[in-house]
């Protein structure tokens, strides 16, 4: 079974405002997790939520950006 990674962008109220499926299916869960972890660690703040088996990352917007 292949594993697919989906990136969600949330607004300040935690509503999904963008959904992007990463086009590359990973052959194992470990491959998908390794890819996710390599990306989220590049953000200023990131982590893992065991309650729903998901990762999160926050960006810091420049002053005056929406």
PDB file of N, CA and C in Angstrom:
ATOM      1  N   UNK A   1       0.850  -1.179   0.000  1.00  0.00           N
ATOM      2  CA  UNK A   1       0.000   0.000   0.000  1.00  0.00           C
ATOM      3  C   UNK A   1       0.894   1.240   0.000  1.00  0.00           C
ATOM      4  N   UNK A   2       0.588   2.170  -0.854  1.00  0.00           N
ATOM      5  CA  UNK A   2       1.336   3.427  -0.930  1.00  0.00           C
ATOM      6  C   UNK A   2       0.766   4.428   0.066  1.00  0.00           C
ATOM      7  N   UNK A   3       1.620   5.345   0.509  1.00  0.00           N
ATOM      8  CA  UNK A   3       1.217   6.394   1.447  1.00  0.00           C
ATOM      9  C   UNK A   3       1.300   7.739   0.745  1.00  0.00           C
ATOM     10  N   UNK A   4       0.269   8.532   0.910  1.00  0.00           N
ATOM     11  CA  UNK A   4       0.177   9.844   0.287  1.00  0.00           C
ATOM     12  C   UNK A   4       0.283  10.916   1.366  1.00  0.00           C
ATOM     13  N   UNK A   5       0.988  12.010   1.059  1.00  0.00           N
ATOM     14  CA  UNK A   5       1.120  13.128   1.989  1.00  0.00           C
ATOM     15  C   UNK A   5       0.215  14.258   1.500  1.00  0.00           C
ATOM     16  N   UNK A   6      -0.556  14.821   2.423  1.00  0.00           N
ATOM     17  CA  UNK A   6      -1.453  15.928   2.103  1.00  0.00           C
ATOM     18  C   UNK A   6      -1.068  17.117   2.976  1.00  0.00           C
ATOM     19  N   UNK A   7      -0.846  18.259   2.347  1.00  0.00           N
ATOM     20  CA  UNK A   7      -0.494  19.487   3.068  1.00  0.00           C
ATOM     21  C   UNK A   7      -1.734  20.365   3.165  1.00  0.00           C
ATOM     22  N   UNK A   8      -2.092  20.746   4.389  1.00  0.00           N
ATOM     23  CA  UNK A   8      -3.234  21.632   4.620  1.00  0.00           C
ATOM     24  C   UNK A   8      -2.736  22.978   5.113  1.00  0.00           C
ATOM     25  N   UNK A   9      -3.335  24.050   4.602  1.00  0.00           N
ATOM     26  CA  UNK A   9      -3.063  25.398   5.093  1.00  0.00           C
ATOM     27  C   UNK A   9      -4.313  25.852   5.834  1.00  0.00           C
ATOM     28  N   UNK A  10      -4.114  26.305   7.073  1.00  0.00           N
ATOM     29  CA  UNK A  10      -5.228  26.733   7.907  1.00  0.00           C
ATOM     30  C   UNK A  10      -5.183  28.231   8.135  1.00  0.00           C
ATOM     31  N   UNK A  11      -6.367  28.822   8.315  1.00  0.00           N
ATOM     32  CA  UNK A  11      -6.408  30.245   8.663  1.00  0.00           C
ATOM     33  C   UNK A  11      -6.325  30.393  10.183  1.00  0.00           C
ATOM     34  N   UNK A  12      -6.457  31.609  10.662  1.00  0.00           N
ATOM     35  CA  UNK A  12      -6.324  31.880  12.095  1.00  0.00           C
ATOM     36  C   UNK A  12      -7.390  31.162  12.934  1.00  0.00           C
ATOM     37  N   UNK A  13      -8.514  30.811  12.313  1.00  0.00           N
ATOM     38  CA  UNK A  13      -9.593  30.104  13.010  1.00  0.00           C
ATOM     39  C   UNK A  13      -9.524  28.594  12.820  1.00  0.00           C
ATOM     40  N   UNK A  14      -8.396  28.106  12.282  1.00  0.00           N
ATOM     41  CA  UNK A  14      -8.167  26.682  12.052  1.00  0.00           C
ATOM     42  C   UNK A  14      -9.049  26.080  10.959  1.00  0.00           C
ATOM     43  N   UNK A  15      -9.545  26.930  10.045  1.00  0.00           N
ATOM     44  CA  UNK A  15     -10.294  26.441   8.888  1.00  0.00           C
ATOM     45  C   UNK A  15      -9.323  26.150   7.753  1.00  0.00           C
ATOM     46  N   UNK A  16      -9.558  25.061   7.031  1.00  0.00           N
ATOM     47  CA  UNK A  16      -8.705  24.723   5.895  1.00  0.00           C
ATOM     48  C   UNK A  16      -8.957  25.725   4.777  1.00  0.00           C
ATOM     49  N   UNK A  17      -7.893  26.395   4.328  1.00  0.00           N
ATOM     50  CA  UNK A  17      -8.022  27.359   3.239  1.00  0.00           C
ATOM     51  C   UNK A  17      -7.295  26.883   1.980  1.00  0.00           C
ATOM     52  N   UNK A  18      -6.483  25.840   2.118  1.00  0.00           N
ATOM     53  CA  UNK A  18      -5.796  25.261   0.959  1.00  0.00           C
ATOM     54  C   UNK A  18      -5.448  23.818   1.284  1.00  0.00           C
ATOM     55  N   UNK A  19      -5.568  22.960   0.289  1.00  0.00           N
ATOM     56  CA  UNK A  19      -5.248  21.536   0.430  1.00  0.00           C
ATOM     57  C   UNK A  19      -4.422  21.135  -0.771  1.00  0.00           C
ATOM     58  N   UNK A  20      -3.224  20.610  -0.513  1.00  0.00           N
ATOM     59  CA  UNK A  20      -2.339  20.223  -1.602  1.00  0.00           C
ATOM     60  C   UNK A  20      -1.862  18.795  -1.372  1.00  0.00           C
ATOM     61  N   UNK A  21      -2.147  17.924  -2.355  1.00  0.00           N
ATOM     62  CA  UNK A  21      -1.666  16.550  -2.291  1.00  0.00           C
ATOM     63  C   UNK A  21      -0.283  16.518  -2.919  1.00  0.00           C
ATOM     64  N   UNK A  22       0.685  16.020  -2.151  1.00  0.00           N
ATOM     65  CA  UNK A  22       2.039  15.885  -2.683  1.00  0.00           C
ATOM     66  C   UNK A  22       1.987  14.759  -3.712  1.00  0.00           C
ATOM     67  N   UNK A  23       2.435  15.026  -4.942  1.00  0.00           N
ATOM     68  CA  UNK A  23       2.197  14.080  -6.038  1.00  0.00           C
ATOM     69  C   UNK A  23       2.952  12.752  -5.954  1.00  0.00           C
ATOM     70  N   UNK A  24       3.916  12.665  -5.084  1.00  0.00           N
ATOM     71  CA  UNK A  24       4.715  11.445  -5.013  1.00  0.00           C
ATOM     72  C   UNK A  24       4.154  10.497  -3.954  1.00  0.00           C
ATOM     73  N   UNK A  25       3.666   9.305  -4.326  1.00  0.00           N
ATOM     74  CA  UNK A  25       3.234   8.337  -3.311  1.00  0.00           C
ATOM     75  C   UNK A  25       4.453   7.616  -2.731  1.00  0.00           C
ATOM     76  N   UNK A  26       4.481   7.471  -1.434  1.00  0.00           N
ATOM     77  CA  UNK A  26       5.606   6.817  -0.762  1.00  0.00           C
ATOM     78  C   UNK A  26       5.284   5.338  -0.563  1.00  0.00           C
ATOM     79  N   UNK A  27       6.230   4.454  -0.863  1.00  0.00           N
ATOM     80  CA  UNK A  27       5.955   3.022  -0.792  1.00  0.00           C
ATOM     81  C   UNK A  27       5.714   2.495   0.624  1.00  0.00           C
ATOM     82  N   UNK A  28       6.277   3.170   1.626  1.00  0.00           N
ATOM     83  CA  UNK A  28       6.069   2.738   3.006  1.00  0.00           C
ATOM     84  C   UNK A  28       5.729   3.943   3.868  1.00  0.00           C
ATOM     85  N   UNK A  29       5.138   3.675   5.024  1.00  0.00           N
ATOM     86  CA  UNK A  29       4.824   4.754   5.963  1.00  0.00           C
ATOM     87  C   UNK A  29       6.109   5.418   6.439  1.00  0.00           C
ATOM     88  N   UNK A  30       7.141   4.627   6.672  1.00  0.00           N
ATOM     89  CA  UNK A  30       8.417   5.181   7.123  1.00  0.00           C
ATOM     90  C   UNK A  30       8.973   6.173   6.112  1.00  0.00           C
ATOM     91  N   UNK A  31       8.879   5.864   4.819  1.00  0.00           N
ATOM     92  CA  UNK A  31       9.352   6.789   3.782  1.00  0.00           C
ATOM     93  C   UNK A  31       8.558   8.095   3.831  1.00  0.00           C
ATOM     94  N   UNK A  32       7.243   7.985   4.013  1.00  0.00           N
ATOM     95  CA  UNK A  32       6.397   9.183   4.089  1.00  0.00           C
ATOM     96  C   UNK A  32       6.745  10.005   5.333  1.00  0.00           C
ATOM     97  N   UNK A  33       6.911   9.342   6.467  1.00  0.00           N
ATOM     98  CA  UNK A  33       7.249  10.035   7.714  1.00  0.00           C
ATOM     99  C   UNK A  33       8.605  10.724   7.591  1.00  0.00           C
ATOM    100  N   UNK A  34       9.585  10.040   7.020  1.00  0.00           N
ATOM    101  CA  UNK A  34      10.908  10.652   6.830  1.00  0.00           C
ATOM    102  C   UNK A  34      10.815  11.916   5.978  1.00  0.00           C
ATOM    103  N   UNK A  35      10.010  11.862   4.911  1.00  0.00           N
ATOM    104  CA  UNK A  35       9.850  13.025   4.035  1.00  0.00           C
ATOM    105  C   UNK A  35       9.166  14.176   4.778  1.00  0.00           C
ATOM    106  N   UNK A  36       8.120  13.856   5.524  1.00  0.00           N
ATOM    107  CA  UNK A  36       7.404  14.886   6.288  1.00  0.00           C
ATOM    108  C   UNK A  36       8.339  15.533   7.307  1.00  0.00           C
ATOM    109  N   UNK A  37       9.049  14.711   8.055  1.00  0.00           N
ATOM    110  CA  UNK A  37       9.929  15.247   9.091  1.00  0.00           C
ATOM    111  C   UNK A  37      11.044  16.104   8.514  1.00  0.00           C
ATOM    112  N   UNK A  38      11.538  15.762   7.331  1.00  0.00           N
ATOM    113  CA  UNK A  38      12.592  16.578   6.728  1.00  0.00           C
ATOM    114  C   UNK A  38      12.068  17.945   6.300  1.00  0.00           C
ATOM    115  N   UNK A  39      10.782  18.030   5.970  1.00  0.00           N
ATOM    116  CA  UNK A  39      10.188  19.304   5.571  1.00  0.00           C
ATOM    117  C   UNK A  39       9.809  20.138   6.796  1.00  0.00           C
ATOM    118  N   UNK A  40       9.095  19.551   7.749  1.00  0.00           N
ATOM    119  CA  UNK A  40       8.597  20.355   8.880  1.00  0.00           C
ATOM    120  C   UNK A  40       9.719  20.911   9.740  1.00  0.00           C
ATOM    121  N   UNK A  41      10.848  20.255   9.793  1.00  0.00           N
ATOM    122  CA  UNK A  41      11.949  20.768  10.608  1.00  0.00           C
ATOM    123  C   UNK A  41      12.600  22.007  10.002  1.00  0.00           C
ATOM    124  N   UNK A  42      12.238  22.363   8.777  1.00  0.00           N
ATOM    125  CA  UNK A  42      12.785  23.581   8.171  1.00  0.00           C
ATOM    126  C   UNK A  42      11.986  24.818   8.583  1.00  0.00           C
ATOM    127  N   UNK A  43      10.833  24.635   9.235  1.00  0.00           N
ATOM    128  CA  UNK A  43      10.004  25.746   9.678  1.00  0.00           C
ATOM    129  C   UNK A  43      10.456  26.218  11.057  1.00  0.00           C
ATOM    130  N   UNK A  44      10.191  27.499  11.374  1.00  0.00           N
ATOM    131  CA  UNK A  44      10.592  28.029  12.679  1.00  0.00           C
ATOM    132  C   UNK A  44       9.970  27.265  13.852  1.00  0.00           C
ATOM    133  N   UNK A  45       8.738  26.802  13.690  1.00  0.00           N
ATOM    134  CA  UNK A  45       8.047  26.042  14.737  1.00  0.00           C
ATOM    135  C   UNK A  45       7.378  24.850  14.074  1.00  0.00           C
ATOM    136  N   UNK A  46       7.555  23.679  14.650  1.00  0.00           N
ATOM    137  CA  UNK A  46       6.911  22.485  14.107  1.00  0.00           C
ATOM    138  C   UNK A  46       6.807  21.434  15.196  1.00  0.00           C
ATOM    139  N   UNK A  47       5.969  20.433  14.943  1.00  0.00           N
ATOM    140  CA  UNK A  47       5.819  19.360  15.919  1.00  0.00           C
ATOM    141  C   UNK A  47       4.947  18.247  15.396  1.00  0.00           C
ATOM    142  N   UNK A  48       4.722  17.281  16.260  1.00  0.00           N
ATOM    143  CA  UNK A  48       3.912  16.100  15.941  1.00  0.00           C
ATOM    144  C   UNK A  48       2.781  15.994  16.949  1.00  0.00           C
ATOM    145  N   UNK A  49       1.581  15.662  16.466  1.00  0.00           N
ATOM    146  CA  UNK A  49       0.425  15.474  17.340  1.00  0.00           C
ATOM    147  C   UNK A  49       0.027  14.003  17.300  1.00  0.00           C
ATOM    148  N   UNK A  50       0.281  13.310  18.380  1.00  0.00           N
ATOM    149  CA  UNK A  50      -0.014  11.876  18.413  1.00  0.00           C
ATOM    150  C   UNK A  50      -1.520  11.594  18.422  1.00  0.00           C
ATOM    151  N   UNK A  51      -2.328  12.543  18.928  1.00  0.00           N
ATOM    152  CA  UNK A  51      -3.780  12.328  18.994  1.00  0.00           C
ATOM    153  C   UNK A  51      -4.384  12.022  17.635  1.00  0.00           C
ATOM    154  N   UNK A  52      -3.882  12.693  16.597  1.00  0.00           N
ATOM    155  CA  UNK A  52      -4.426  12.459  15.251  1.00  0.00           C
ATOM    156  C   UNK A  52      -3.338  12.079  14.249  1.00  0.00           C
ATOM    157  N   UNK A  53      -2.177  11.674  14.763  1.00  0.00           N
ATOM    158  CA  UNK A  53      -1.082  11.182  13.923  1.00  0.00           C
ATOM    159  C   UNK A  53      -0.769  12.164  12.793  1.00  0.00           C
ATOM    160  N   UNK A  54      -0.510  13.421  13.181  1.00  0.00           N
ATOM    161  CA  UNK A  54      -0.224  14.443  12.170  1.00  0.00           C
ATOM    162  C   UNK A  54       0.922  15.341  12.617  1.00  0.00           C
ATOM    163  N   UNK A  55       1.518  15.990  11.657  1.00  0.00           N
ATOM    164  CA  UNK A  55       2.587  16.953  11.926  1.00  0.00           C
ATOM    165  C   UNK A  55       2.056  18.340  11.632  1.00  0.00           C
ATOM    166  N   UNK A  56       2.639  19.336  12.269  1.00  0.00           N
ATOM    167  CA  UNK A  56       2.245  20.726  12.029  1.00  0.00           C
ATOM    168  C   UNK A  56       3.505  21.570  11.932  1.00  0.00           C
ATOM    169  N   UNK A  57       3.358  22.690  11.254  1.00  0.00           N
ATOM    170  CA  UNK A  57       4.449  23.661  11.148  1.00  0.00           C
ATOM    171  C   UNK A  57       3.845  25.038  10.990  1.00  0.00           C
ATOM    172  N   UNK A  58       4.510  26.030  11.564  1.00  0.00           N
ATOM    173  CA  UNK A  58       4.052  27.413  11.462  1.00  0.00           C
ATOM    174  C   UNK A  58       5.124  28.258  10.795  1.00  0.00           C
ATOM    175  N   UNK A  59       4.644  29.155   9.975  1.00  0.00           N
ATOM    176  CA  UNK A  59       5.544  30.137   9.379  1.00  0.00           C
ATOM    177  C   UNK A  59       5.328  31.473  10.068  1.00  0.00           C
ATOM    178  N   UNK A  60       6.310  32.302  10.032  1.00  0.00           N
ATOM    179  CA  UNK A  60       6.186  33.643  10.579  1.00  0.00           C
ATOM    180  C   UNK A  60       6.057  34.575   9.390  1.00  0.00           C
ATOM    181  N   UNK A  61       4.921  35.254   9.289  1.00  0.00           N
ATOM    182  CA  UNK A  61       4.686  36.181   8.185  1.00  0.00           C
ATOM    183  C   UNK A  61       5.369  37.505   8.447  1.00  0.00           C
ATOM    184  N   UNK A  62       5.866  38.107   7.405  1.00  0.00           N
ATOM    185  CA  UNK A  62       6.487  39.417   7.526  1.00  0.00           C
ATOM    186  C   UNK A  62       5.447  40.439   7.956  1.00  0.00           C
ATOM    187  N   UNK A  63       5.882  41.482   8.629  1.00  0.00           N
ATOM    188  CA  UNK A  63       4.980  42.524   9.085  1.00  0.00           C
ATOM    189  C   UNK A  63       4.204  43.104   7.909  1.00  0.00           C
ATOM    190  N   UNK A  64       2.886  43.198   8.090  1.00  0.00           N
ATOM    191  CA  UNK A  64       2.043  43.754   7.048  1.00  0.00           C
ATOM    192  C   UNK A  64       1.523  42.715   6.071  1.00  0.00           C
ATOM    193  N   UNK A  65       1.956  41.459   6.195  1.00  0.00           N
ATOM    194  CA  UNK A  65       1.464  40.402   5.312  1.00  0.00           C
ATOM    195  C   UNK A  65       0.138  39.904   5.826  1.00  0.00           C
ATOM    196  N   UNK A  66      -0.750  39.442   4.930  1.00  0.00           N
ATOM    197  CA  UNK A  66      -2.056  38.910   5.380  1.00  0.00           C
ATOM    198  C   UNK A  66      -1.907  37.611   6.132  1.00  0.00           C
TER     199      UNK A  66
END
